[in-house]
Protein backbone atom coordinates (compact mmCIF):
# COMPACT_ATOMS: atom_id res chain seq x y z
CA MET A 1 -32.49 -50.12 4.95
CA LEU A 2 -35.47 -51.44 3.48
CA ILE A 3 -36.70 -50.50 0.14
CA TRP A 4 -40.81 -50.99 -0.99
CA LYS A 5 -40.67 -51.63 -4.29
CA GLY A 6 -44.28 -53.59 -4.56
CA ARG A 7 -42.57 -55.47 -1.63
CA TRP A 8 -40.45 -54.85 0.98
CA LEU A 9 -36.60 -55.86 -0.34
CA GLU A 10 -33.18 -55.67 1.87
CA LYS A 11 -31.17 -52.85 0.39
CA HIS A 12 -28.72 -55.83 -1.62
CA GLU A 13 -31.93 -57.09 -3.01
CA ALA A 14 -32.87 -54.00 -5.22
CA TYR A 15 -31.56 -52.26 -8.40
CA ILE A 16 -31.94 -49.46 -11.09
CA SER A 17 -31.89 -50.09 -14.34
CA LEU A 18 -29.14 -48.16 -16.63
CA GLU A 19 -31.83 -47.58 -18.96
CA GLU A 20 -34.53 -46.12 -16.34
CA PRO A 21 -36.13 -43.49 -17.73
CA CYS A 22 -35.86 -40.53 -15.02
CA LEU A 23 -32.21 -41.66 -15.35
CA LEU A 24 -31.42 -40.91 -18.87
CA TYR A 25 -34.07 -37.77 -19.28
CA GLY A 26 -35.40 -36.59 -15.22
CA GLY A 27 -38.55 -36.06 -13.47
CA LEU A 28 -38.08 -37.85 -10.75
CA VAL A 29 -40.23 -36.42 -8.12
CA TYR A 30 -39.68 -37.29 -4.34
CA GLU A 31 -40.51 -36.66 -0.51
CA THR A 32 -38.42 -36.75 2.68
CA LEU A 33 -40.21 -37.40 5.95
CA ARG A 34 -39.08 -38.63 9.40
CA THR A 35 -40.52 -39.98 12.42
CA TYR A 36 -40.47 -39.14 15.77
CA ASN A 37 -41.29 -42.22 18.46
CA ARG A 38 -41.66 -44.57 15.54
CA LYS A 39 -44.48 -42.56 14.30
CA LEU A 40 -44.52 -40.57 10.80
CA PHE A 41 -44.50 -36.90 11.29
CA ALA A 42 -47.10 -35.14 8.86
CA GLY A 43 -47.89 -37.68 6.98
CA LYS A 44 -50.84 -36.24 5.04
CA TYR A 45 -49.39 -32.86 4.85
CA HIS A 46 -46.24 -34.83 2.66
CA PHE A 47 -48.67 -36.98 0.54
CA ASP A 48 -50.53 -34.07 -0.53
CA ARG A 49 -46.92 -31.87 -1.40
CA LEU A 50 -46.35 -34.96 -3.29
CA LYS A 51 -49.00 -35.48 -5.25
CA ALA A 52 -49.05 -31.57 -6.01
CA SER A 53 -45.52 -32.37 -7.60
CA ALA A 54 -46.41 -35.61 -9.19
CA GLY A 55 -49.45 -33.32 -11.08
CA CYS A 56 -46.45 -31.16 -12.24
CA LEU A 57 -45.86 -33.97 -14.26
CA HIS A 58 -49.34 -35.37 -15.22
CA ILE A 59 -48.88 -38.00 -13.24
CA LYS A 60 -51.58 -38.67 -11.13
CA ILE A 61 -51.26 -41.20 -7.54
CA ASP A 62 -53.82 -43.90 -7.62
CA MET A 63 -52.73 -44.85 -4.18
CA ASP A 64 -54.57 -43.20 -1.36
CA TYR A 65 -53.21 -41.42 2.17
CA GLU A 66 -54.14 -44.49 4.18
CA ASN A 67 -52.45 -47.07 1.92
CA PHE A 68 -49.46 -45.11 1.99
CA ARG A 69 -49.26 -44.64 5.57
CA LYS A 70 -49.90 -48.05 6.09
CA ILE A 71 -46.66 -49.10 3.96
CA ILE A 72 -44.54 -46.81 5.82
CA SER A 73 -45.91 -48.20 8.75
CA GLU A 74 -45.06 -51.63 8.39
CA GLY A 75 -41.87 -50.59 7.07
CA VAL A 76 -41.26 -48.84 10.44
CA GLU A 77 -42.27 -51.80 12.15
CA LYS A 78 -39.84 -53.99 10.79
CA VAL A 79 -36.63 -51.65 11.07
CA ASN A 80 -38.06 -51.12 14.72
CA CYS A 81 -36.42 -47.68 15.35
CA ASP A 82 -36.84 -44.14 14.23
CA VAL A 83 -36.37 -43.55 10.25
CA SER A 84 -35.50 -40.97 7.53
CA VAL A 85 -37.97 -41.94 4.42
CA ARG A 86 -37.32 -41.26 1.14
CA ILE A 87 -39.93 -40.91 -1.55
CA MET A 88 -39.92 -41.58 -5.36
CA LEU A 89 -42.14 -41.41 -7.96
CA LEU A 90 -40.14 -42.61 -11.31
CA PRO A 91 -42.16 -41.40 -14.31
CA ARG A 92 -43.59 -44.04 -17.22
CA GLY A 93 -44.69 -43.41 -20.64
CA ASN A 94 -43.40 -42.09 -23.56
CA ILE A 95 -40.50 -40.84 -22.06
CA SER A 96 -36.91 -40.13 -24.52
CA ALA A 97 -34.97 -36.90 -25.73
CA PHE A 98 -37.63 -36.20 -28.29
CA GLY A 99 -40.75 -35.95 -25.24
CA PHE A 100 -42.03 -36.43 -21.92
CA GLU A 101 -45.59 -38.24 -21.75
CA THR A 102 -46.19 -39.81 -18.80
CA LYS A 103 -49.11 -42.64 -18.37
CA SER A 104 -47.83 -43.90 -14.71
CA TYR A 105 -45.51 -44.38 -12.23
CA GLU A 106 -43.69 -46.62 -9.74
CA LEU A 107 -43.38 -45.64 -5.94
CA ILE A 108 -40.00 -46.60 -4.09
CA ILE A 109 -39.81 -45.84 -0.17
CA PHE A 110 -36.60 -45.84 1.10
CA LEU A 111 -36.41 -46.39 5.23
CA GLU A 112 -32.92 -46.11 7.08
CA LYS A 113 -32.63 -45.65 10.31
CA LEU A 114 -32.75 -42.04 11.31
CA ASN A 115 -29.16 -40.29 12.10
CA ILE A 116 -29.74 -37.06 13.14
CA SER A 117 -25.47 -35.79 13.15
CA LYS A 118 -24.40 -33.33 16.16
CA PHE A 119 -24.92 -29.38 15.17
CA PRO A 120 -21.38 -28.19 14.40
CA GLU A 121 -19.77 -25.94 17.31
CA LYS A 122 -21.02 -22.80 15.07
CA VAL A 123 -24.32 -22.73 12.53
CA LYS A 124 -22.94 -20.91 9.53
CA VAL A 125 -24.92 -19.91 6.32
CA SER A 126 -23.81 -17.51 3.41
CA LEU A 127 -26.04 -15.88 0.61
CA SER A 128 -25.81 -18.06 -2.34
CA LYS A 129 -24.51 -16.54 -5.93
CA VAL A 130 -26.98 -18.34 -7.51
CA ARG A 131 -30.93 -17.55 -7.69
CA LYS A 132 -34.16 -19.44 -7.21
CA ILE A 133 -35.27 -20.18 -10.51
CA ASP A 134 -38.63 -18.28 -11.53
CA ASP A 135 -41.89 -19.39 -10.53
CA LEU A 136 -42.96 -19.13 -14.04
CA ALA A 137 -40.22 -21.73 -15.48
CA THR A 138 -40.40 -24.05 -12.47
CA PRO A 139 -43.12 -23.73 -9.53
CA ALA A 140 -41.35 -23.29 -6.11
CA TYR A 141 -43.27 -25.93 -4.82
CA LEU A 142 -42.04 -28.99 -6.91
CA LYS A 143 -39.78 -31.01 -5.49
CA ILE A 144 -37.75 -32.94 -8.18
CA ALA A 145 -34.61 -34.62 -7.98
CA GLY A 146 -31.78 -32.59 -10.29
CA ARG A 147 -33.41 -28.76 -9.47
CA THR A 148 -30.57 -27.24 -11.27
CA ASP A 149 -30.54 -23.63 -9.03
CA ILE A 150 -30.32 -25.91 -5.96
CA LEU A 151 -27.72 -28.43 -7.12
CA LEU A 152 -25.63 -25.51 -8.03
CA ALA A 153 -26.12 -23.43 -5.12
CA LYS A 154 -24.88 -26.68 -2.78
CA MET A 155 -21.73 -26.32 -4.52
CA GLU A 156 -20.96 -23.02 -3.24
CA LYS A 157 -21.26 -24.51 0.44
CA GLY A 158 -18.04 -25.31 2.07
CA ASP A 159 -18.38 -25.35 5.33
CA ALA A 160 -21.70 -22.99 5.80
CA TYR A 161 -24.69 -25.61 7.20
CA ASP A 162 -26.71 -24.42 4.17
CA VAL A 163 -26.88 -21.51 1.58
CA ILE A 164 -30.02 -18.59 1.05
CA MET A 165 -30.73 -18.34 -2.78
CA LEU A 166 -32.21 -14.91 -3.57
CA GLY A 167 -35.34 -14.69 -6.27
CA SER A 168 -35.36 -13.69 -9.58
CA LYS A 169 -36.23 -9.94 -8.36
CA GLY A 170 -33.62 -9.69 -5.49
CA GLN A 171 -35.83 -10.97 -2.49
CA VAL A 172 -35.16 -14.06 0.20
CA CYS A 173 -36.15 -17.30 -1.06
CA GLU A 174 -34.85 -20.00 1.04
CA GLY A 175 -31.76 -22.17 1.64
CA THR A 176 -30.96 -25.44 -0.40
CA PHE A 177 -33.37 -27.81 1.67
CA SER A 178 -34.72 -24.95 4.69
CA ASN A 179 -36.73 -22.35 5.42
CA VAL A 180 -35.64 -19.32 6.49
CA PHE A 181 -36.76 -16.93 9.69
CA LEU A 182 -35.13 -14.22 11.10
CA VAL A 183 -36.05 -12.15 14.13
CA LYS A 184 -35.95 -8.07 14.69
CA ASN A 185 -37.25 -6.28 18.02
CA ASN A 186 -38.99 -9.76 19.31
CA THR A 187 -41.15 -10.41 16.05
CA VAL A 188 -40.30 -13.52 13.87
CA VAL A 189 -39.94 -12.50 9.95
CA THR A 190 -40.24 -15.16 7.15
CA PRO A 191 -40.67 -14.98 3.43
CA SER A 192 -44.01 -15.10 2.36
CA LEU A 193 -45.37 -18.54 -0.57
CA ASP A 194 -45.55 -15.96 -2.96
CA SER A 195 -41.82 -15.30 -2.68
CA GLY A 196 -41.46 -18.15 -4.51
CA ILE A 197 -40.25 -20.76 -1.77
CA LEU A 198 -41.42 -24.63 -0.89
CA PRO A 199 -44.07 -24.41 1.53
CA GLY A 200 -42.29 -26.26 4.17
CA ILE A 201 -44.53 -28.62 6.66
CA THR A 202 -41.84 -27.84 9.49
CA ARG A 203 -42.36 -23.83 8.56
CA LYS A 204 -45.72 -23.96 8.88
CA ASN A 205 -45.64 -26.01 12.48
CA VAL A 206 -43.16 -23.15 13.66
CA ILE A 207 -44.99 -20.07 12.35
CA ASP A 208 -48.76 -21.79 14.21
CA LEU A 209 -45.42 -22.49 17.25
CA CYS A 210 -45.05 -18.81 17.43
CA LYS A 211 -48.47 -17.88 17.41
CA SER A 212 -49.85 -20.06 20.47
CA LEU A 213 -46.89 -18.62 22.38
CA GLY A 214 -47.70 -15.16 21.50
CA ILE A 215 -44.72 -14.33 19.44
CA THR A 216 -46.01 -11.69 16.68
CA VAL A 217 -45.04 -13.53 12.89
CA GLU A 218 -45.00 -11.71 9.73
CA GLU A 219 -44.73 -13.67 6.30
CA ARG A 220 -43.95 -11.17 3.97
CA TRP A 221 -41.18 -10.25 0.87
CA VAL A 222 -37.58 -10.08 2.94
CA GLU A 223 -34.96 -7.76 1.46
CA PRO A 224 -31.77 -9.25 1.84
CA ILE A 225 -30.22 -6.39 4.13
CA GLU A 226 -32.65 -7.64 6.41
CA LEU A 227 -30.76 -10.79 6.97
CA CYS A 228 -27.84 -8.25 8.19
CA ASP A 229 -29.97 -6.18 10.41
CA ALA A 230 -31.81 -8.85 12.10
CA ASP A 231 -31.17 -9.48 15.68
CA GLU A 232 -31.20 -13.71 14.97
CA LEU A 233 -31.72 -15.83 11.74
CA PHE A 234 -32.81 -19.65 12.02
CA LEU A 235 -33.74 -22.47 9.62
CA THR A 236 -36.29 -24.98 9.70
CA HIS A 237 -36.31 -28.44 7.86
CA THR A 238 -37.71 -32.00 8.26
CA SER A 239 -34.81 -33.93 9.95
CA ARG A 240 -33.63 -31.17 12.68
CA GLY A 241 -37.05 -29.30 13.20
CA VAL A 242 -35.66 -25.69 14.07
CA VAL A 243 -32.11 -25.18 13.59
CA PRO A 244 -30.42 -21.53 15.34
CA VAL A 245 -28.00 -19.84 13.28
CA ASP A 246 -24.78 -18.10 14.94
CA GLU A 247 -23.06 -16.33 11.52
CA LEU A 248 -23.82 -15.12 8.48
CA SER A 249 -20.67 -15.05 5.76
CA SER A 250 -18.24 -14.53 8.30
CA CYS A 251 -19.33 -10.55 8.80
CA LYS A 252 -23.10 -10.75 11.02
CA THR A 253 -22.98 -12.87 14.43
CA TYR A 254 -26.75 -13.40 15.89
CA SER A 255 -28.05 -13.52 19.55
CA LYS A 256 -30.24 -17.04 19.40
CA SER A 257 -32.61 -16.64 22.18
CA VAL A 258 -35.51 -16.95 20.60
CA GLY A 259 -34.00 -19.53 18.04
CA ARG A 260 -33.23 -21.69 20.87
CA PHE A 261 -36.79 -21.13 22.62
CA LEU A 262 -38.42 -22.80 19.79
CA VAL A 263 -36.37 -25.42 19.83
CA SER A 264 -37.11 -25.97 23.25
CA LYS A 265 -40.72 -26.15 22.27
CA PHE A 266 -41.18 -27.16 19.23
CA GLU A 267 -41.32 -31.75 19.68
CA GLU A 268 -43.50 -30.64 22.48
CA TYR A 269 -45.96 -28.42 20.29
CA ILE A 270 -46.23 -31.00 17.58
CA GLY A 271 -46.73 -33.52 19.32
CA SER A 272 -49.52 -32.10 20.48
CA ILE A 273 -51.40 -31.56 17.24
CA GLU A 274 -53.48 -34.18 15.66
CA GLU A 275 -53.02 -33.14 12.16
CA ASN A 276 -49.19 -34.07 12.63
CA TRP A 277 -49.92 -37.50 13.31
CA LEU A 278 -52.60 -38.60 10.88
């Protein structure tokens, strides 16, 4: 593992103080990225999303994207393999139990060898009893460590790959780390952004991939009953791309033909889109 804190450090050289404000009071903004063939995937999209999350905490990122990308590229060269990347912004300012006023930040970048485990024999998902925090309370696009809705939902996972969370009005939203797609009558359906979901970068690529293949895509509010009526269900997230689902809550099984087809096309497609490699 390599860690960047103004310079590259080995794992044993880095530490965090017990008086770190975000450890005591929260506010740690993050993004997770990966490389394909040692090239950073969708770096600009992730950087823009990081800036949007930071903006919620009144943190203005003064680094431009070119320098951000250059740092990560240097790390990839040092590790000399495909990597997963964790970006963290530690807030600085007047932060205490009595107030949260940010004035600056510290940028930390973790790079470690990409380790993609094998799919389980059956990919199972379930519905969470925990509702997504309403957008009026916490914007869905805010990626911040320790979101209570996501933490509590993850505690329900058991042997499920992920759990699907509903919104405050009962609409299907997303998993704790994934976006949700269903297939019905050869139409791919996914919750729209106004359902209260994270604008997933792999989600966007899969929507565009489907359209390029002539597959009809609907972005709209999705009712929970539609998960039971669907022919297929699949998830998308950064580290795995497209994940076809076998089973929902041990009561519904799915075909995986469309999902498997998209898996077979995904890496070729994202490699052909110039914006993914800026």
